[in-house]
Amino acid sequence: MKYGICPISIVPLRAQASDTSELVTQVLYGEIMKVLEKRKKWSRIRLEFDRYEGWIDNKQFVFIEEFDYKKLKEEMPRLSSDLVDFISTSEGQLLTIPLGSSLNGITLLKHSFDGKFISEKLNKSHLIETALLYLNAPYLWGGKTPFGIDCSGLTQMVYKLNGHRLFRDASEQSTQGEALSFIEESEAGDLAFFDNEEGAIVHVGIIMEDNYIIHAHGKVRIDRIDHSGIFNYETGKHTHKLRVIKRII
C-alpha cells in the first residue's frame, strides 16, 4: 500500500481518471490518503478522513511513508479557521488555503503557517456559528469550501471544524446518530435529511433555533423548516420533503 498527502489547495477528486469526469468531492490542503491504484497520470485514492474514494491527478499529491501517514492519522487534527489563509513554502512562495484545511503535515511538507487554527473538539453550541461562516457560498456539486459547497459538504465541514466526523454523502450521513421522532425534539446542530420521490436521501441541512435550517440549495441559505420539509420564503413553496432528523452529538 502507498500513501499520500495533498500539498496544494482545493484539489478535485473525480469519479473517473479524466479532467472532464464528475467532481465527487474535493481534497483540501494537508489531507492524507491511501493510494489504491497508480496509473501514468492518475491515481485512485481513499481519503483517510471519510474513506471517500476517487481519482486524483498525480501532479496534485505527493507520496509519503507509511510511518508518516499513521503518525498524522493518530494526531489531533489542526484545521485552519479563517475563510482564507496562507501557507509559506520552502521556496518563499505563498499558497492560499481555505477554511478547514489540515495543518498537521506542515513540517513534513517543509511549509510554515502563522495563522489561526482549531485543534479541539467543540461542543454542539458552536455548530451554527461555524455554519454561518459558509453563508451565501455558491452551491457546487462535490464542493467543500466557502467558494463552492454542496449540502453534505457543508454539514461534513461544519462538524469537522468542531472536531466531529461525518461521512461525505447525505445518504451516508443519514445512517449516523440517533433518529428523533418529532421536529419539536430537535436542537440547534441536529441534522435534517430529505428524500426524493423514490425515497432516496438526497439532501441534508443543519437545524437552527426557532424552526430555521441552514443548507446548501443554490447557495448556502437559511430557510424555514416544518413537518413537511423546507419552506422557501422567496418562492412560497416547499423545496425539500423531510424524511428524518438525526442527533449526531
Protein backbone atom coordinates (compact mmCIF):
# COMPACT_ATOMS: atom_id res chain seq x y z
CA MET A 1 0.00 0.00 0.00
CA LYS A 2 1.19 3.52 -0.83
CA TYR A 3 0.24 6.77 0.92
CA GLY A 4 -0.01 10.42 0.02
CA ILE A 5 -0.74 13.96 1.18
CA CYS A 6 -2.22 16.95 -0.63
CA PRO A 7 0.37 19.78 -0.77
CA ILE A 8 -1.84 22.34 -2.55
CA SER A 9 -5.30 23.84 -2.17
CA ILE A 10 -8.75 22.56 -3.22
CA VAL A 11 -7.86 19.62 -5.46
CA PRO A 12 -10.69 17.90 -7.38
CA LEU A 13 -11.36 14.23 -6.73
CA ARG A 14 -13.12 12.74 -9.75
CA ALA A 15 -15.30 9.73 -10.50
CA GLN A 16 -13.01 8.61 -13.33
CA ALA A 17 -9.40 9.21 -14.38
CA SER A 18 -10.18 12.26 -16.53
CA ASP A 19 -10.28 16.04 -16.11
CA THR A 20 -13.76 16.03 -17.63
CA SER A 21 -15.13 13.41 -15.22
CA GLU A 22 -17.64 14.22 -12.47
CA LEU A 23 -16.32 16.04 -9.41
CA VAL A 24 -17.24 13.77 -6.49
CA THR A 25 -15.52 15.73 -3.72
CA GLN A 26 -12.53 17.95 -3.08
CA VAL A 27 -9.21 17.24 -1.37
CA LEU A 28 -8.14 20.16 0.79
CA TYR A 29 -4.60 21.13 1.67
CA GLY A 30 -2.96 18.70 4.08
CA GLU A 31 -5.44 15.84 3.71
CA ILE A 32 -3.85 12.38 3.76
CA MET A 33 -4.84 9.38 1.68
CA LYS A 34 -4.16 5.79 0.74
CA VAL A 35 -3.16 5.26 -2.88
CA LEU A 36 -5.15 2.26 -4.10
CA GLU A 37 -4.05 2.28 -7.74
CA LYS A 38 -1.44 4.34 -9.61
CA ARG A 39 -1.51 4.96 -13.34
CA LYS A 40 0.66 7.16 -15.54
CA LYS A 41 -1.33 10.36 -14.97
CA TRP A 42 -3.95 9.49 -12.35
CA SER A 43 -4.25 7.58 -9.09
CA ARG A 44 -7.28 6.13 -7.33
CA ILE A 45 -7.16 7.12 -3.68
CA ARG A 46 -9.10 6.74 -0.45
CA LEU A 47 -9.18 9.77 1.84
CA GLU A 48 -8.34 8.99 5.45
CA PHE A 49 -10.94 11.31 6.99
CA ASP A 50 -14.11 9.86 5.45
CA ARG A 51 -12.79 6.90 3.38
CA TYR A 52 -14.16 8.53 0.22
CA GLU A 53 -12.63 7.18 -2.98
CA GLY A 54 -11.95 8.74 -6.37
CA TRP A 55 -9.31 9.68 -8.92
CA ILE A 56 -6.71 12.39 -8.37
CA ASP A 57 -4.19 13.90 -10.79
CA ASN A 58 -0.72 12.57 -9.90
CA LYS A 59 0.64 16.14 -10.08
CA GLN A 60 -1.67 17.20 -7.24
CA PHE A 61 -0.45 14.99 -4.41
CA VAL A 62 2.89 13.71 -3.12
CA PHE A 63 3.78 10.29 -1.72
CA ILE A 64 4.64 9.90 1.96
CA GLU A 65 5.91 6.99 4.03
CA GLU A 66 3.52 4.67 5.87
CA PHE A 67 5.06 5.78 9.16
CA ASP A 68 4.22 9.43 8.44
CA TYR A 69 0.68 8.53 7.32
CA LYS A 70 -0.01 6.63 10.54
CA LYS A 71 1.52 9.39 12.66
CA LEU A 72 -0.62 12.07 11.02
CA LYS A 73 -3.71 9.87 11.27
CA GLU A 74 -3.29 9.50 15.03
CA GLU A 75 -2.69 13.19 15.76
CA MET A 76 -5.43 15.55 16.94
CA PRO A 77 -6.42 17.48 13.79
CA ARG A 78 -5.29 21.08 13.44
CA LEU A 79 -7.56 22.91 10.98
CA SER A 80 -7.26 26.42 9.57
CA SER A 81 -10.05 28.58 10.98
CA ASP A 82 -10.14 31.66 8.70
CA LEU A 83 -12.13 31.71 5.45
CA VAL A 84 -8.84 32.12 3.56
CA ASP A 85 -5.29 31.93 4.86
CA PHE A 86 -1.76 31.43 3.56
CA ILE A 87 0.95 28.80 3.71
CA SER A 88 4.59 29.73 3.10
CA THR A 89 6.54 27.17 1.06
CA SER A 90 10.23 26.36 1.46
CA GLU A 91 10.85 28.47 -1.67
CA GLY A 92 9.29 31.51 -0.01
CA GLN A 93 6.13 31.34 -2.10
CA LEU A 94 2.62 31.87 -0.74
CA LEU A 95 -0.09 29.24 -1.08
CA THR A 96 -3.70 30.10 -0.31
CA ILE A 97 -5.72 27.60 1.71
CA PRO A 98 -9.46 27.58 2.52
CA LEU A 99 -11.29 27.16 5.82
CA GLY A 100 -10.85 23.65 7.25
CA SER A 101 -7.50 22.81 5.66
CA SER A 102 -5.36 20.34 7.62
CA LEU A 103 -2.17 21.74 9.13
CA ASN A 104 -0.77 18.55 10.67
CA GLY A 105 1.52 17.87 7.72
CA ILE A 106 3.15 21.33 7.67
CA THR A 107 6.54 20.13 8.87
CA LEU A 108 6.51 17.08 6.61
CA LEU A 109 5.84 19.30 3.59
CA LYS A 110 8.50 21.82 4.74
CA HIS A 111 5.89 24.57 4.83
CA SER A 112 5.12 27.15 7.52
CA PHE A 113 1.90 28.69 8.81
CA ASP A 114 1.34 31.66 11.12
CA GLY A 115 -2.45 31.91 11.06
CA LYS A 116 -5.23 30.80 13.39
CA PHE A 117 -6.29 27.19 13.72
CA ILE A 118 -8.66 24.92 15.64
CA SER A 119 -7.31 21.89 17.47
CA GLU A 120 -10.00 20.71 19.87
CA LYS A 121 -13.40 19.07 19.99
CA LEU A 122 -16.02 21.77 20.49
CA ASN A 123 -19.49 21.28 21.89
CA LYS A 124 -22.73 21.43 19.95
CA SER A 125 -23.34 25.11 20.64
CA HIS A 126 -20.54 26.08 18.23
CA LEU A 127 -22.01 24.31 15.18
CA ILE A 128 -24.32 27.10 13.99
CA GLU A 129 -21.62 29.74 14.45
CA THR A 130 -19.36 27.68 12.19
CA ALA A 131 -22.12 27.05 9.65
CA LEU A 132 -22.72 30.80 9.29
CA LEU A 133 -19.15 31.18 8.01
CA TYR A 134 -20.34 29.44 4.82
CA LEU A 135 -23.48 31.59 4.39
CA ASN A 136 -24.01 32.61 0.72
CA ALA A 137 -21.30 30.24 -0.54
CA PRO A 138 -22.42 29.10 -4.02
CA TYR A 139 -23.69 25.57 -4.44
CA LEU A 140 -21.11 23.31 -6.09
CA TRP A 141 -21.62 19.57 -6.53
CA GLY A 142 -18.71 17.93 -4.69
CA GLY A 143 -17.57 21.23 -3.13
CA LYS A 144 -16.21 21.60 0.41
CA THR A 145 -15.15 25.28 0.68
CA PRO A 146 -16.65 28.77 1.07
CA PHE A 147 -16.03 29.22 -2.66
CA GLY A 148 -18.37 26.37 -3.57
CA ILE A 149 -20.01 23.67 -1.47
CA ASP A 150 -22.79 21.08 -1.64
CA CYS A 151 -25.30 20.16 1.06
CA SER A 152 -23.39 17.26 2.61
CA GLY A 153 -20.07 19.05 2.15
CA LEU A 154 -21.47 21.84 4.32
CA THR A 155 -22.59 19.51 7.11
CA GLN A 156 -19.36 17.49 6.96
CA MET A 157 -17.10 20.56 7.11
CA VAL A 158 -19.10 22.23 9.89
CA TYR A 159 -18.88 19.11 12.04
CA LYS A 160 -15.23 18.58 11.10
CA LEU A 161 -14.30 22.09 12.22
CA ASN A 162 -15.87 21.27 15.57
CA GLY A 163 -13.94 18.02 15.97
CA HIS A 164 -16.59 15.52 14.83
CA ARG A 165 -16.59 13.11 11.87
CA LEU A 166 -19.37 12.75 9.34
CA PHE A 167 -19.40 10.65 6.19
CA ARG A 168 -19.28 12.53 2.88
CA ASP A 169 -22.69 11.96 1.24
CA ALA A 170 -26.11 12.81 2.67
CA SER A 171 -27.28 9.21 2.31
CA GLU A 172 -24.24 8.01 4.31
CA GLN A 173 -24.63 10.72 6.95
CA SER A 174 -28.26 9.66 7.46
CA THR A 175 -27.00 6.33 8.87
CA GLN A 176 -25.20 8.13 11.71
CA GLY A 177 -26.60 9.30 15.02
CA GLU A 178 -29.96 8.86 16.74
CA ALA A 179 -33.28 9.41 14.95
CA LEU A 180 -35.74 11.84 16.52
CA SER A 181 -39.48 11.20 16.41
CA PHE A 182 -40.65 14.79 16.06
CA ILE A 183 -39.21 18.08 14.85
CA GLU A 184 -40.08 19.56 18.27
CA GLU A 185 -37.42 17.29 19.79
CA SER A 186 -34.67 18.78 17.64
CA GLU A 187 -31.93 21.11 18.84
CA ALA A 188 -29.72 23.57 17.01
CA GLY A 189 -26.99 21.49 15.38
CA ASP A 190 -29.08 18.40 14.66
CA LEU A 191 -29.21 17.24 11.03
CA ALA A 192 -32.38 17.10 8.93
CA PHE A 193 -32.47 14.73 5.94
CA PHE A 194 -34.77 14.94 2.93
CA ASP A 195 -35.72 12.37 0.30
CA ASN A 196 -36.94 12.33 -3.30
CA GLU A 197 -39.99 10.65 -4.82
CA GLU A 198 -38.18 7.30 -4.83
CA GLY A 199 -37.42 7.58 -1.12
CA ALA A 200 -33.67 8.12 -1.54
CA ILE A 201 -31.96 10.60 0.80
CA VAL A 202 -30.80 13.45 -1.45
CA HIS A 203 -30.42 16.50 0.82
CA VAL A 204 -29.27 17.46 4.31
CA GLY A 205 -29.19 20.63 6.38
CA ILE A 206 -28.41 21.83 9.91
CA ILE A 207 -31.30 22.66 12.23
CA MET A 208 -31.21 26.14 13.81
CA GLU A 209 -33.25 27.70 16.59
CA ASP A 210 -36.93 28.63 16.08
CA ASN A 211 -37.60 26.21 13.19
CA TYR A 212 -34.97 27.53 10.79
CA ILE A 213 -32.44 25.48 8.82
CA ILE A 214 -29.15 26.35 7.12
CA HIS A 215 -28.43 24.32 3.99
CA ALA A 216 -26.88 24.49 0.52
CA HIS A 217 -29.51 24.99 -2.19
CA GLY A 218 -28.34 27.31 -4.96
CA LYS A 219 -26.21 28.85 -2.23
CA VAL A 220 -25.82 28.31 1.48
CA ARG A 221 -29.01 29.86 2.81
CA ILE A 222 -31.37 29.95 5.77
CA ASP A 223 -34.98 28.81 5.33
CA ARG A 224 -37.89 27.70 7.48
CA ILE A 225 -38.41 24.03 8.30
CA ASP A 226 -41.66 22.34 9.34
CA HIS A 227 -43.14 18.84 9.43
CA SER A 228 -43.40 18.79 5.63
CA GLY A 229 -39.87 19.95 4.90
CA ILE A 230 -38.03 23.12 3.88
CA PHE A 231 -40.16 26.16 3.03
CA ASN A 232 -38.55 28.69 0.70
CA TYR A 233 -39.91 32.15 1.50
CA GLU A 234 -38.79 33.52 -1.88
CA THR A 235 -40.85 31.05 -3.90
CA GLY A 236 -43.53 30.48 -1.27
CA LYS A 237 -43.16 26.72 -1.74
CA HIS A 238 -41.67 23.69 -0.02
CA THR A 239 -38.46 22.71 -1.81
CA HIS A 240 -37.47 19.54 0.07
CA LYS A 241 -39.53 16.77 1.72
CA LEU A 242 -38.48 15.92 5.28
CA ARG A 243 -37.52 12.29 5.88
CA VAL A 244 -35.79 12.16 9.28
CA ILE A 245 -33.94 14.27 11.84
CA LYS A 246 -30.81 12.79 13.39
CA ARG A 247 -28.90 13.78 16.50
CA ILE A 248 -25.19 13.21 15.94
CA ILE A 249 -23.86 14.83 19.13
